[in-house]
Amino acid sequence: MCGIFGEFGSPQSSTNADIYSGLLNVLEHRGPDDYGLERGNNWMLGFRRLAILDLSPAGHQPMCTPDGRHWLVFNGEIYNYLELRRALEHDGVTFRSESDTEVLLQLLLRCGPSALSRLNGMFAFAFVDLTKRTFLLARDRLGVKPLYWYNQGGKLRFASELKGLLAWPDATRTINRKAVLEFLSLGYIPASSCILEGYGKLEAGTYAVGSLDRPTLNPTRYWSIDIAPGSNSGPLTTDQLSEFHELLADAAKIRLRSDVPVGIFLSGGIDSGLVASFAAESSAPPLALTVGFAEESFDETSIAQETAAHLGLKLKVLQQRAASIDDVDSLSWTFDEPFGDASALPTMLLCSAASEHATVFLSGDGGDEAFGGYRRYLEAARHGWISRVPSAAKAAGYALSQAMPLQSALRYRLAKATLPRDQMAAVFDGQGLTRDPALRSILPRDLLAQAGDVLDPVRVAWENGSALDPL
């Protein structure tokens, strides 16, 4: 997993060794194998390592070029590092290690931000050029790897987790009240926000460059999903299905590159089953793990066993123990910010138990989102007509909903369907705090007074896609 942290705009003598030790300790769970810290005039980089590629000391971070000019701390994995390495060697680059970190370092010093378009991987990193006195912070396309920041008083701090920033003795801890409202409406805190005032997250698919001596954070987007109107209509052709098969096979194969044991989380779903089927074709098929639940309605053990047997994979069933209040506390510590998805609890328990069997695990996460596996997608296809209802009719429908009993399910359905401007966002991404009667009945008036439209980011995203098919 690894953990990174650092600070720009702070003189070398401004922070003592005890503070650095605290920063390294608070992120130890992300990287128990090694640690490192380097600093100089107006810069500091720290690292906790979970060794996956090149387990030798040659993979130590922070990593620098032989001349000491360029430095890098990097959390994640560059899956196509072998292909990138061969291209760099063709250009005359020599390497001291077998790590993907050194490949990334050499690519960045030659290409800068334009290197991001060549990376196939998950990453958050900080790259420093001591001659130009510049830094580059970046995060992968989908934001798999996190990166929190704090930019005030002429200092820019960053860390893989919010707690890494709170480990500084002068860290402020004021709750962001709007973020509380966002959480209560959405069940999570959007990427554009943070639970604490003055802190933020570098968003997925963005990077930021700046000066080590006068650091500011001005992110630039280098990637986003671009779907043209009409591009998703019609059945897939044979060629498209063939290309999809090749992409899936390559995605599984390239993620099995590792110098430590790799496993796979196998449930009864199609998504993890597909990943397992491609992983099973490798020369060293991974161990498959599944969770067994006492509640029959949740247990998918039998389907996982059938899948593993069909693919010739060794399967180990981990029986899920009952969660305790201590587990809930651990969950809040792990996530740093409020997160309202109950599946996080069994996932955390699974990962804790799985760590005894392998270091890296593949999973089917994202399959439902990418390929329409949730009921919401069927509902979107059925209810697309809502977005075409005239505004006057929506206003009348909303007025009618307010005359219904507070606990009425029809009241909520009608209120969501008639929410102005949000269209389908009202059905799937929260009703909007200022109109939700249940939330209005329990929240203090002073908090409601600050609400405004806390769902603006969701509304804007839906309006930007207004020309597209709702599904």
Protein backbone atom coordinates (compact mmCIF):
# COMPACT_ATOMS: atom_id res chain seq x y z
CA MET A 1 0.00 0.00 0.00
CA CYS A 2 2.74 2.46 1.05
CA GLY A 3 2.30 5.93 2.51
CA ILE A 4 3.81 9.27 1.52
CA PHE A 5 3.93 12.68 3.17
CA GLY A 6 5.88 15.91 2.87
CA GLU A 7 6.05 19.64 3.19
CA PHE A 8 7.13 22.48 0.90
CA GLY A 9 7.86 26.09 1.84
CA SER A 10 9.31 25.26 5.25
CA PRO A 11 12.99 25.91 6.10
CA GLN A 12 15.05 22.84 6.89
CA SER A 13 15.43 23.78 10.54
CA SER A 14 11.77 24.47 11.23
CA THR A 15 10.76 20.93 12.19
CA ASN A 16 12.45 18.73 14.79
CA ALA A 17 13.15 15.01 14.66
CA ASP A 18 10.35 14.11 17.09
CA ILE A 19 7.72 15.50 14.72
CA TYR A 20 9.17 13.55 11.81
CA SER A 21 9.09 10.37 13.90
CA GLY A 22 5.42 11.01 14.67
CA LEU A 23 4.63 11.41 10.98
CA LEU A 24 6.40 8.16 10.13
CA ASN A 25 4.66 6.29 12.96
CA VAL A 26 1.11 7.38 12.16
CA LEU A 27 1.42 5.95 8.63
CA GLU A 28 3.27 2.77 9.63
CA HIS A 29 0.24 0.58 8.87
CA ARG A 30 0.53 1.58 5.21
CA GLY A 31 4.16 0.45 4.98
CA PRO A 32 5.72 -1.77 7.65
CA ASP A 33 8.68 -2.94 5.51
CA ASP A 34 10.82 0.21 5.32
CA TYR A 35 10.76 3.95 5.84
CA GLY A 36 12.72 6.99 4.78
CA LEU A 37 12.83 10.75 5.16
CA GLU A 38 14.83 13.39 3.31
CA ARG A 39 14.80 17.17 3.68
CA GLY A 40 16.51 20.30 2.52
CA ASN A 41 15.89 23.99 1.99
CA ASN A 42 12.10 24.47 1.94
CA TRP A 43 11.31 20.80 1.25
CA MET A 44 10.78 17.51 3.05
CA LEU A 45 9.68 14.10 1.73
CA GLY A 46 8.72 11.08 3.86
CA PHE A 47 7.80 7.51 3.02
CA ARG A 48 6.52 4.23 4.52
CA ARG A 49 7.06 1.19 2.30
CA LEU A 50 5.07 -1.95 1.59
CA ALA A 51 7.47 -3.82 -0.67
CA ILE A 52 5.85 -5.37 -3.77
CA LEU A 53 8.35 -4.89 -6.62
CA ASP A 54 12.11 -5.22 -6.01
CA LEU A 55 12.21 -6.15 -2.33
CA SER A 56 15.86 -5.14 -2.03
CA PRO A 57 17.15 -1.88 -0.50
CA ALA A 58 17.43 -0.57 -4.07
CA GLY A 59 13.70 0.17 -3.92
CA HIS A 60 14.12 2.47 -0.91
CA GLN A 61 12.31 5.83 -0.91
CA PRO A 62 12.56 8.77 -1.04
CA MET A 63 14.45 7.91 -4.24
CA CYS A 64 16.76 10.32 -6.02
CA THR A 65 18.71 10.46 -9.26
CA PRO A 66 22.48 9.81 -9.06
CA ASP A 67 23.22 13.56 -9.18
CA GLY A 68 20.85 14.25 -6.25
CA ARG A 69 18.79 16.76 -8.27
CA HIS A 70 15.46 14.93 -8.57
CA TRP A 71 13.59 13.25 -5.68
CA LEU A 72 10.45 11.10 -5.64
CA VAL A 73 8.06 9.57 -3.11
CA PHE A 74 5.48 7.32 -4.72
CA ASN A 75 2.52 5.33 -3.40
CA GLY A 76 1.01 2.81 -5.79
CA GLU A 77 2.03 0.61 -8.68
CA ILE A 78 2.87 1.34 -12.32
CA TYR A 79 1.60 -1.79 -14.05
CA ASN A 80 3.29 -1.09 -17.41
CA TYR A 81 6.65 -0.28 -15.85
CA LEU A 82 8.45 -3.03 -17.79
CA GLU A 83 7.31 -1.61 -21.13
CA LEU A 84 8.23 1.92 -20.03
CA ARG A 85 11.61 0.70 -18.80
CA ARG A 86 12.43 -0.92 -22.13
CA ALA A 87 11.59 2.33 -23.94
CA LEU A 88 13.81 4.34 -21.56
CA GLU A 89 16.67 1.85 -21.91
CA HIS A 90 16.37 2.20 -25.69
CA ASP A 91 16.97 5.93 -25.15
CA GLY A 92 20.14 5.20 -23.17
CA VAL A 93 18.85 5.23 -19.58
CA THR A 94 20.54 2.85 -17.14
CA PHE A 95 18.82 1.58 -13.99
CA ARG A 96 20.13 0.71 -10.53
CA SER A 97 17.07 -1.28 -9.39
CA GLU A 98 14.22 -3.46 -10.65
CA SER A 99 11.52 -1.21 -9.15
CA ASP A 100 8.71 0.64 -10.86
CA THR A 101 9.63 3.64 -8.66
CA GLU A 102 12.90 4.21 -10.52
CA VAL A 103 11.12 3.88 -13.87
CA LEU A 104 8.65 6.56 -12.79
CA LEU A 105 11.49 8.78 -11.52
CA GLN A 106 13.38 8.58 -14.82
CA LEU A 107 10.22 9.17 -16.85
CA LEU A 108 9.24 12.23 -14.81
CA LEU A 109 12.63 13.92 -15.05
CA ARG A 110 12.43 13.59 -18.85
CA CYS A 111 8.75 14.29 -19.48
CA GLY A 112 7.35 16.13 -16.45
CA PRO A 113 3.53 16.17 -16.29
CA SER A 114 3.24 14.76 -19.83
CA ALA A 115 4.51 11.45 -18.39
CA LEU A 116 1.10 10.97 -16.74
CA SER A 117 -0.57 10.04 -20.02
CA ARG A 118 1.85 7.12 -20.41
CA LEU A 119 1.18 5.56 -17.00
CA ASN A 120 -1.02 2.50 -16.60
CA GLY A 121 -1.42 2.23 -12.86
CA MET A 122 -2.66 3.53 -9.55
CA PHE A 123 -0.57 6.21 -7.91
CA ALA A 124 -0.12 9.30 -5.80
CA PHE A 125 3.33 10.86 -5.83
CA ALA A 126 5.46 13.92 -5.13
CA PHE A 127 8.35 14.73 -7.48
CA VAL A 128 10.89 17.46 -6.71
CA ASP A 129 13.44 19.22 -8.93
CA LEU A 130 15.98 20.92 -6.65
CA THR A 131 17.63 22.86 -9.48
CA LYS A 132 14.43 24.40 -10.81
CA ARG A 133 13.06 24.56 -7.23
CA THR A 134 9.75 23.01 -8.32
CA PHE A 135 7.42 20.24 -7.20
CA LEU A 136 4.87 18.05 -8.97
CA LEU A 137 2.02 16.33 -7.12
CA ALA A 138 -0.19 13.90 -9.03
CA ARG A 139 -2.93 11.34 -8.58
CA ASP A 140 -4.09 8.50 -10.83
CA ARG A 141 -7.01 8.76 -13.23
CA LEU A 142 -9.66 7.21 -10.98
CA GLY A 143 -8.22 8.30 -7.64
CA VAL A 144 -7.45 4.80 -6.35
CA LYS A 145 -4.57 6.19 -4.30
CA PRO A 146 -5.46 9.08 -1.96
CA LEU A 147 -3.61 12.37 -1.42
CA TYR A 148 -4.70 14.92 1.20
CA TRP A 149 -3.28 18.45 1.41
CA TYR A 150 -3.09 21.48 3.69
CA ASN A 151 -2.00 24.80 2.16
CA GLN A 152 -1.81 27.76 4.52
CA GLY A 153 0.72 30.19 6.01
CA GLY A 154 3.17 29.77 3.13
CA LYS A 155 3.38 26.00 3.65
CA LEU A 156 2.01 23.14 1.57
CA ARG A 157 1.73 19.80 3.35
CA PHE A 158 0.51 16.54 1.86
CA ALA A 159 -0.05 12.96 3.04
CA SER A 160 -1.66 9.71 1.94
CA GLU A 161 -4.14 10.02 4.81
CA LEU A 162 -5.72 12.92 6.66
CA LYS A 163 -4.27 11.64 9.93
CA GLY A 164 -0.83 12.15 8.41
CA LEU A 165 -1.55 15.88 8.28
CA LEU A 166 -3.12 15.95 11.74
CA ALA A 167 0.10 14.51 13.19
CA TRP A 168 1.69 17.97 12.90
CA PRO A 169 1.52 19.73 16.31
CA ASP A 170 0.15 22.93 14.79
CA ALA A 171 -2.56 21.15 12.76
CA THR A 172 -5.99 22.78 13.04
CA ARG A 173 -9.05 20.63 13.75
CA THR A 174 -12.20 22.59 12.91
CA ILE A 175 -15.14 20.61 11.55
CA ASN A 176 -16.33 21.69 8.10
CA ARG A 177 -20.06 22.03 8.71
CA LYS A 178 -20.94 21.99 5.03
CA ALA A 179 -19.09 18.67 4.71
CA VAL A 180 -21.29 17.28 7.50
CA LEU A 181 -24.34 18.24 5.46
CA GLU A 182 -22.84 16.68 2.34
CA PHE A 183 -22.27 13.43 4.22
CA LEU A 184 -25.82 13.35 5.58
CA SER A 185 -27.19 13.89 2.08
CA LEU A 186 -24.88 11.60 0.11
CA GLY A 187 -23.48 9.08 2.58
CA TYR A 188 -19.95 10.21 1.70
CA ILE A 189 -17.97 13.45 1.43
CA PRO A 190 -17.32 14.53 -2.19
CA ALA A 191 -13.80 14.73 -3.57
CA SER A 192 -14.09 18.51 -3.75
CA SER A 193 -14.63 18.75 0.02
CA CYS A 194 -13.10 17.59 3.32
CA ILE A 195 -14.46 16.96 6.82
CA LEU A 196 -12.01 19.52 8.29
CA GLU A 197 -11.76 23.20 7.40
CA GLY A 198 -8.62 24.17 5.52
CA TYR A 199 -7.85 20.67 4.24
CA GLY A 200 -8.57 19.11 0.87
CA LYS A 201 -7.92 16.20 -1.48
CA LEU A 202 -6.07 16.31 -4.77
CA GLU A 203 -8.82 15.09 -7.06
CA ALA A 204 -8.61 12.04 -9.30
CA GLY A 205 -7.01 12.64 -12.68
CA THR A 206 -5.31 15.89 -11.66
CA TYR A 207 -1.80 17.16 -10.95
CA ALA A 208 -0.33 20.33 -9.45
CA VAL A 209 3.01 22.02 -10.07
CA GLY A 210 4.50 24.82 -8.01
CA SER A 211 7.48 26.43 -6.33
CA LEU A 212 9.25 24.89 -3.34
CA ASP A 213 9.81 28.37 -1.94
CA ARG A 214 6.34 29.85 -2.50
CA PRO A 215 4.08 26.80 -2.68
CA THR A 216 0.46 27.06 -3.78
CA LEU A 217 -1.89 24.37 -5.01
CA ASN A 218 -3.46 24.95 -8.44
CA PRO A 219 -4.58 21.56 -9.80
CA THR A 220 -4.75 20.85 -13.52
CA ARG A 221 -6.93 18.06 -14.90
CA TYR A 222 -5.05 15.70 -17.21
CA TRP A 223 -7.76 13.05 -17.68
CA SER A 224 -11.53 12.67 -17.54
CA ILE A 225 -14.14 10.37 -19.03
CA ASP A 226 -15.39 11.76 -22.32
CA ILE A 227 -18.63 10.26 -23.61
CA ALA A 228 -20.09 11.79 -26.75
CA PRO A 229 -23.89 11.92 -27.22
CA GLY A 230 -25.06 8.79 -28.99
CA SER A 231 -21.77 6.96 -28.53
CA ASN A 232 -23.36 4.42 -26.17
CA SER A 233 -26.27 3.44 -28.41
CA GLY A 234 -26.72 0.09 -30.08
CA PRO A 235 -25.43 -3.39 -29.27
CA LEU A 236 -21.71 -4.14 -29.13
CA THR A 237 -20.16 -5.45 -32.31
CA THR A 238 -18.07 -8.61 -32.50
CA ASP A 239 -14.92 -6.50 -32.81
CA GLN A 240 -15.85 -4.45 -29.75
CA LEU A 241 -16.48 -7.60 -27.70
CA SER A 242 -13.15 -9.00 -28.84
CA GLU A 243 -11.37 -5.78 -27.85
CA PHE A 244 -13.13 -5.81 -24.47
CA HIS A 245 -11.97 -9.41 -23.87
CA GLU A 246 -8.37 -8.46 -24.70
CA LEU A 247 -8.47 -5.43 -22.39
CA LEU A 248 -9.81 -7.45 -19.48
CA ALA A 249 -7.24 -10.19 -20.01
CA ASP A 250 -4.40 -7.66 -20.14
CA ALA A 251 -5.68 -5.81 -17.06
CA ALA A 252 -5.61 -9.02 -15.01
CA LYS A 253 -2.29 -10.25 -16.39
CA ILE A 254 -0.41 -6.99 -15.86
CA ARG A 255 -1.60 -6.72 -12.24
CA LEU A 256 -0.11 -10.10 -11.41
CA ARG A 257 3.42 -8.68 -11.80
CA SER A 258 4.74 -8.88 -8.26
CA ASP A 259 7.66 -10.06 -6.16
CA VAL A 260 5.31 -11.03 -3.31
CA PRO A 261 2.34 -13.45 -3.12
CA VAL A 262 -0.81 -12.32 -4.97
CA GLY A 263 -4.34 -13.50 -4.22
CA ILE A 264 -7.84 -12.75 -5.41
CA PHE A 265 -11.04 -11.94 -3.54
CA LEU A 266 -13.66 -14.24 -5.04
CA SER A 267 -17.34 -13.76 -4.28
CA GLY A 268 -20.39 -15.11 -6.06
CA GLY A 269 -20.51 -12.13 -8.41
CA ILE A 270 -19.79 -11.98 -12.11
CA ASP A 271 -17.19 -9.22 -11.68
CA SER A 272 -14.77 -11.08 -9.38
CA GLY A 273 -15.49 -14.28 -11.32
CA LEU A 274 -14.34 -12.63 -14.54
CA VAL A 275 -11.15 -11.33 -12.91
CA ALA A 276 -10.51 -14.80 -11.47
CA SER A 277 -11.00 -16.47 -14.84
CA PHE A 278 -8.29 -14.35 -16.45
CA ALA A 279 -5.96 -14.61 -13.45
CA ALA A 280 -6.32 -18.41 -13.54
CA GLU A 281 -4.69 -18.44 -16.98
CA SER A 282 -1.39 -17.13 -15.58
CA SER A 283 1.64 -19.36 -15.05
CA ALA A 284 1.21 -19.04 -11.27
CA PRO A 285 -2.55 -18.86 -10.53
CA PRO A 286 -3.30 -16.87 -7.38
CA LEU A 287 -4.91 -18.15 -4.21
CA ALA A 288 -8.62 -17.31 -4.07
CA LEU A 289 -10.24 -16.15 -0.84
CA THR A 290 -13.93 -15.81 -0.10
CA VAL A 291 -15.90 -14.81 2.97
CA GLY A 292 -18.33 -17.15 4.65
CA PHE A 293 -21.31 -15.64 6.48
CA ALA A 294 -23.50 -17.34 9.06
CA GLU A 295 -26.53 -15.59 7.54
CA GLU A 296 -27.56 -17.70 4.56
CA SER A 297 -28.92 -14.72 2.63
CA PHE A 298 -25.44 -13.11 2.61
CA ASP A 299 -23.33 -16.22 2.11
CA GLU A 300 -21.93 -16.80 -1.40
CA THR A 301 -19.51 -19.57 -0.47
CA SER A 302 -21.12 -22.28 -2.60
CA ILE A 303 -21.03 -20.15 -5.77
CA ALA A 304 -17.40 -19.17 -5.09
CA GLN A 305 -16.50 -22.83 -4.62
CA GLU A 306 -18.11 -23.76 -7.94
CA THR A 307 -16.28 -20.92 -9.70
CA ALA A 308 -12.91 -21.81 -8.18
CA ALA A 309 -13.35 -25.50 -9.04
CA HIS A 310 -14.28 -24.64 -12.62
CA LEU A 311 -11.18 -22.44 -12.98
CA GLY A 312 -8.83 -24.79 -11.14
CA LEU A 313 -8.05 -22.25 -8.42
CA LYS A 314 -7.23 -23.11 -4.84
CA LEU A 315 -9.92 -21.56 -2.61
CA LYS A 316 -9.78 -20.72 1.07
CA VAL A 317 -12.96 -19.73 2.91
CA LEU A 318 -12.56 -17.18 5.70
CA GLN A 319 -15.46 -17.38 8.10
CA GLN A 320 -16.65 -13.88 8.96
CA ARG A 321 -16.80 -13.15 12.66
CA ALA A 322 -19.38 -10.85 14.13
CA ALA A 323 -18.31 -7.20 14.12
CA SER A 324 -17.91 -5.32 17.38
CA ILE A 325 -18.04 -1.66 18.35
CA ASP A 326 -14.23 -1.71 18.37
CA ASP A 327 -14.33 -2.63 14.68
CA VAL A 328 -16.49 0.43 14.02
CA ASP A 329 -13.91 2.59 15.80
CA SER A 330 -11.15 1.03 13.70
CA LEU A 331 -13.17 1.71 10.58
CA SER A 332 -13.50 5.43 11.38
CA TRP A 333 -9.76 5.61 12.08
CA THR A 334 -9.00 3.90 8.77
CA PHE A 335 -11.22 6.09 6.60
CA ASP A 336 -10.36 9.43 8.29
CA GLU A 337 -13.62 10.96 7.00
CA PRO A 338 -17.23 9.83 7.54
CA PHE A 339 -18.24 7.09 5.11
CA GLY A 340 -21.74 5.64 5.09
CA ASP A 341 -21.33 2.39 3.17
CA ALA A 342 -21.92 -0.54 5.52
CA SER A 343 -20.01 -2.92 3.23
CA ALA A 344 -16.80 -1.24 4.39
CA LEU A 345 -16.97 -3.18 7.67
CA PRO A 346 -16.89 -6.74 6.27
CA THR A 347 -14.35 -5.58 3.67
CA MET A 348 -12.03 -4.36 6.43
CA LEU A 349 -12.38 -7.62 8.34
CA LEU A 350 -11.71 -9.60 5.15
CA CYS A 351 -8.56 -7.61 4.38
CA SER A 352 -7.31 -8.03 7.93
CA ALA A 353 -7.69 -11.81 7.73
CA ALA A 354 -6.39 -11.98 4.15
CA SER A 355 -3.10 -10.30 5.06
CA GLU A 356 -1.94 -13.62 6.53
CA HIS A 357 -2.15 -15.28 3.11
CA ALA A 358 -0.84 -12.73 0.58
CA THR A 359 0.33 -9.12 0.26
CA VAL A 360 -1.59 -8.14 -2.88
CA PHE A 361 -5.18 -9.02 -3.80
CA LEU A 362 -7.19 -8.51 -6.96
CA SER A 363 -10.92 -7.87 -6.65
CA GLY A 364 -13.99 -7.17 -8.73
CA ASP A 365 -14.49 -3.67 -7.27
CA GLY A 366 -15.78 -1.27 -9.92
CA GLY A 367 -17.41 -3.94 -12.05
CA ASP A 368 -20.96 -2.96 -11.14
CA GLU A 369 -20.23 0.73 -11.73
CA ALA A 370 -18.55 0.15 -15.08
CA PHE A 371 -20.93 -2.45 -16.51
CA GLY A 372 -24.37 -1.66 -15.13
CA GLY A 373 -24.60 -4.16 -12.31
CA TYR A 374 -26.78 -2.11 -9.96
CA ARG A 375 -30.55 -1.79 -9.97
CA ARG A 376 -30.16 1.99 -10.30
CA TYR A 377 -29.13 1.50 -13.93
CA LEU A 378 -32.32 -0.39 -14.72
CA GLU A 379 -34.30 2.33 -12.96
CA ALA A 380 -32.50 5.00 -14.98
CA ALA A 381 -33.52 3.26 -18.19
CA ARG A 382 -37.13 2.96 -17.00
CA HIS A 383 -37.50 6.50 -15.68
CA GLY A 384 -35.62 8.58 -18.21
CA TRP A 385 -38.89 10.31 -19.07
CA ILE A 386 -38.72 12.24 -15.76
CA SER A 387 -36.08 14.56 -17.17
CA ARG A 388 -38.48 15.58 -19.94
CA VAL A 389 -41.36 16.59 -17.66
CA PRO A 390 -42.11 20.35 -17.98
CA SER A 391 -40.98 22.56 -15.07
CA ALA A 392 -44.54 23.64 -14.26
CA ALA A 393 -45.67 20.04 -13.88
CA LYS A 394 -42.70 19.31 -11.64
CA ALA A 395 -43.52 22.29 -9.43
CA ALA A 396 -47.11 21.05 -9.08
CA GLY A 397 -45.92 17.55 -8.25
CA TYR A 398 -43.56 18.85 -5.57
CA ALA A 399 -46.34 20.94 -4.00
CA LEU A 400 -48.52 17.83 -3.89
CA SER A 401 -45.75 15.84 -2.17
CA GLN A 402 -45.56 18.39 0.65
CA ALA A 403 -49.21 17.74 1.52
CA MET A 404 -48.50 14.05 2.15
CA PRO A 405 -47.55 12.52 5.54
CA LEU A 406 -43.89 12.93 6.54
CA GLN A 407 -43.27 9.17 6.64
CA SER A 408 -44.97 8.52 3.31
CA ALA A 409 -42.78 6.68 0.80
CA LEU A 410 -44.81 8.28 -2.00
CA ARG A 411 -43.91 11.72 -0.62
CA TYR A 412 -40.22 10.98 -1.00
CA ARG A 413 -40.56 9.46 -4.45
CA LEU A 414 -42.60 12.39 -5.70
CA ALA A 415 -40.30 14.97 -4.10
CA LYS A 416 -37.25 13.37 -5.71
CA ALA A 417 -38.89 13.06 -9.11
CA THR A 418 -39.84 16.76 -9.11
CA LEU A 419 -36.65 18.29 -7.71
CA PRO A 420 -35.77 21.27 -9.96
CA ARG A 421 -32.76 21.07 -12.25
CA ASP A 422 -31.24 17.95 -10.69
CA GLN A 423 -33.30 15.66 -12.93
CA MET A 424 -32.13 12.07 -12.52
CA ALA A 425 -29.54 13.15 -9.93
CA ALA A 426 -32.46 13.68 -7.56
CA VAL A 427 -33.37 10.01 -7.81
CA PHE A 428 -29.93 8.48 -7.46
CA ASP A 429 -27.60 10.94 -5.74
CA GLY A 430 -29.53 12.41 -2.83
CA GLN A 431 -32.68 14.44 -2.56
CA GLY A 432 -31.07 17.66 -1.41
CA LEU A 433 -30.75 18.47 2.25
CA THR A 434 -32.84 21.62 2.26
CA ARG A 435 -35.84 19.66 0.95
CA ASP A 436 -35.47 16.44 2.97
CA PRO A 437 -38.12 16.60 5.72
CA ALA A 438 -36.51 13.86 7.82
CA LEU A 439 -33.16 15.62 7.96
CA ARG A 440 -34.80 19.01 8.52
CA SER A 441 -36.59 17.58 11.53
CA ILE A 442 -33.41 16.50 13.34
CA LEU A 443 -30.76 19.07 12.40
CA PRO A 444 -30.16 22.29 14.38
CA ARG A 445 -31.49 25.42 12.72
CA ASP A 446 -28.08 27.09 12.64
CA LEU A 447 -26.68 24.13 10.68
CA LEU A 448 -29.58 24.18 8.24
CA ALA A 449 -29.07 27.89 7.73
CA GLN A 450 -25.62 27.12 6.30
CA ALA A 451 -26.88 24.43 3.97
CA GLY A 452 -27.42 26.27 0.72
CA ASP A 453 -27.31 23.66 -2.01
CA VAL A 454 -24.77 21.18 -0.69
CA LEU A 455 -25.35 18.98 -3.71
CA ASP A 456 -24.06 21.53 -6.22
CA PRO A 457 -21.20 19.26 -7.38
CA VAL A 458 -23.67 16.47 -8.16
CA ARG A 459 -26.10 18.84 -9.87
CA VAL A 460 -23.37 20.37 -12.03
CA ALA A 461 -22.13 16.93 -13.07
CA TRP A 462 -25.64 15.88 -14.13
CA GLU A 463 -26.26 19.14 -16.00
CA ASN A 464 -22.96 18.76 -17.85
CA GLY A 465 -24.27 15.42 -19.11
CA SER A 466 -27.75 16.68 -19.99
CA ALA A 467 -27.24 15.87 -23.67
CA LEU A 468 -26.50 12.25 -22.89
CA ASP A 469 -28.83 9.32 -22.42
CA PRO A 470 -29.67 9.20 -18.67
CA LEU A 471 -28.34 5.67 -18.35
